[in-house]
C-alpha atoms as a PDB file:
ATOM      1  CA  MET A   1       0.000   0.000   0.000  1.00  0.00           C
ATOM      2  CA  LEU A   2       2.718   2.471   0.923  1.00  0.00           C
ATOM      3  CA  PHE A   3       4.688   1.521  -2.192  1.00  0.00           C
ATOM      4  CA  PHE A   4       1.915   2.698  -4.504  1.00  0.00           C
ATOM      5  CA  SER A   5       0.884   5.731  -2.456  1.00  0.00           C
ATOM      6  CA  ARG A   6       4.297   7.407  -2.881  1.00  0.00           C
ATOM      7  CA  GLY A   7       3.243   9.144  -6.062  1.00  0.00           C
ATOM      8  CA  ALA A   8       1.971   7.913  -9.385  1.00  0.00           C
ATOM      9  CA  PRO A   9       3.300   4.408  -9.977  1.00  0.00           C
ATOM     10  CA  ASN A  10       3.861   3.500 -13.586  1.00  0.00           C
ATOM     11  CA  LEU A  11       3.400   0.097 -15.160  1.00  0.00           C
ATOM     12  CA  ALA A  12       7.105  -0.667 -14.968  1.00  0.00           C
ATOM     13  CA  MET A  13       6.876  -0.341 -11.168  1.00  0.00           C
ATOM     14  CA  VAL A  14       3.640  -2.289 -10.821  1.00  0.00           C
ATOM     15  CA  ILE A  15       4.705  -5.484 -12.606  1.00  0.00           C
ATOM     16  CA  PRO A  16       7.704  -6.239 -10.330  1.00  0.00           C
ATOM     17  CA  ALA A  17       5.436  -5.545  -7.339  1.00  0.00           C
ATOM     18  CA  ILE A  18       2.900  -8.052  -8.682  1.00  0.00           C
ATOM     19  CA  ASP A  19       5.725 -10.585  -9.037  1.00  0.00           C
ATOM     20  CA  TYR A  20       6.697 -10.017  -5.405  1.00  0.00           C
ATOM     21  CA  ILE A  21       3.094 -10.380  -4.205  1.00  0.00           C
ATOM     22  CA  ASP A  22       2.687 -13.565  -6.233  1.00  0.00           C
ATOM     23  CA  GLU A  23       5.885 -15.027  -4.764  1.00  0.00           C
ATOM     24  CA  THR A  24       4.730 -14.138  -1.244  1.00  0.00           C
ATOM     25  CA  PHE A  25       1.325 -15.714  -1.857  1.00  0.00           C
ATOM     26  CA  THR A  26       2.973 -18.899  -3.116  1.00  0.00           C
ATOM     27  CA  THR A  27       5.269 -19.109  -0.102  1.00  0.00           C
ATOM     28  CA  ARG A  28       2.420 -18.539   2.355  1.00  0.00           C
ATOM     29  CA  MET A  29       0.042 -20.883   0.564  1.00  0.00           C
ATOM     30  CA  LEU A  30       2.522 -23.754   0.735  1.00  0.00           C
ATOM     31  CA  SER A  31       3.428 -23.303   4.417  1.00  0.00           C
ATOM     32  CA  LYS A  32       1.123 -25.896   5.952  1.00  0.00           C
ATOM     33  CA  GLU A  33       2.517 -25.619   9.463  1.00  0.00           C
ATOM     34  CA  THR A  34       1.828 -21.891   9.894  1.00  0.00           C
ATOM     35  CA  LEU A  35      -1.532 -21.282   8.222  1.00  0.00           C
ATOM     36  CA  ASP A  36      -4.920 -22.877   8.560  1.00  0.00           C
ATOM     37  CA  LEU A  37      -6.428 -24.496   5.455  1.00  0.00           C
ATOM     38  CA  ALA A  38      -9.043 -21.725   5.144  1.00  0.00           C
ATOM     39  CA  PHE A  39      -6.317 -19.084   4.918  1.00  0.00           C
ATOM     40  CA  ARG A  40      -4.362 -21.094   2.360  1.00  0.00           C
ATOM     41  CA  VAL A  41      -7.493 -21.443   0.207  1.00  0.00           C
ATOM     42  CA  ALA A  42      -8.146 -17.688   0.476  1.00  0.00           C
ATOM     43  CA  ILE A  43      -4.563 -16.992  -0.597  1.00  0.00           C
ATOM     44  CA  TRP A  44      -4.976 -19.426  -3.494  1.00  0.00           C
ATOM     45  CA  LEU A  45      -8.090 -17.547  -4.660  1.00  0.00           C
ATOM     46  CA  ALA A  46      -6.296 -14.194  -4.378  1.00  0.00           C
ATOM     47  CA  LYS A  47      -3.337 -15.624  -6.303  1.00  0.00           C
ATOM     48  CA  ARG A  48      -5.650 -16.887  -9.032  1.00  0.00           C
ATOM     49  CA  THR A  49      -7.242 -13.435  -9.365  1.00  0.00           C
ATOM     50  CA  LEU A  50      -3.841 -11.737  -9.378  1.00  0.00           C
ATOM     51  CA  ASN A  51      -2.609 -14.077 -12.108  1.00  0.00           C
ATOM     52  CA  ARG A  52      -5.715 -13.400 -14.193  1.00  0.00           C
ATOM     53  CA  TYR A  53      -4.920  -9.682 -14.199  1.00  0.00           C
ATOM     54  CA  TYR A  54      -1.226 -10.347 -14.724  1.00  0.00           C
ATOM     55  CA  SER A  55      -1.948 -12.462 -17.804  1.00  0.00           C
ATOM     56  CA  LEU A  56      -3.935  -9.582 -19.279  1.00  0.00           C
ATOM     57  CA  THR A  57      -0.879  -7.345 -19.071  1.00  0.00           C
ATOM     58  CA  ASP A  58       1.092  -9.774 -21.234  1.00  0.00           C
ATOM     59  CA  SER A  59      -1.124  -8.990 -24.212  1.00  0.00           C
ATOM     60  CA  SER A  60      -0.917  -5.222 -23.733  1.00  0.00           C
ATOM     61  CA  PRO A  61       1.381  -3.206 -26.004  1.00  0.00           C
ATOM     62  CA  VAL A  62       1.762  -0.650 -23.198  1.00  0.00           C
ATOM     63  CA  TYR A  63       3.109  -3.406 -20.937  1.00  0.00           C
ATOM     64  CA  ARG A  64       5.713  -4.416 -23.497  1.00  0.00           C
ATOM     65  CA  ILE A  65       6.912  -0.837 -23.934  1.00  0.00           C
ATOM     66  CA  ALA A  66       6.994  -0.211 -20.172  1.00  0.00           C
ATOM     67  CA  MET A  67       8.916  -3.385 -19.438  1.00  0.00           C
ATOM     68  CA  SER A  68      11.459  -2.760 -22.193  1.00  0.00           C
ATOM     69  CA  ASN A  69      12.047   0.701 -20.687  1.00  0.00           C
ATOM     70  CA  TYR A  70      12.318  -0.843 -17.208  1.00  0.00           C
ATOM     71  CA  PHE A  71      14.958  -3.351 -18.295  1.00  0.00           C
ATOM     72  CA  LEU A  72      16.910  -0.667 -20.164  1.00  0.00           C
ATOM     73  CA  ARG A  73      17.226   1.304 -16.893  1.00  0.00           C
ATOM     74  CA  ILE A  74      18.584  -1.645 -14.886  1.00  0.00           C
END
């Protein structure tokens, strides 16, 4: 939340953040000893929704331009 409220995030900032959230969801979803099954299922549903939106960015020309600019700055 604080990451995106620091000004106007652009697409090149959002995609790596989505990757981080997805990785965190995967880690938490697979940790059977720390989370109840209901929480793991809720995380799975959130991950599925996140991935649906992420897959839509792959087909966007704006995404391709933003990511090429992002990788040129690294």
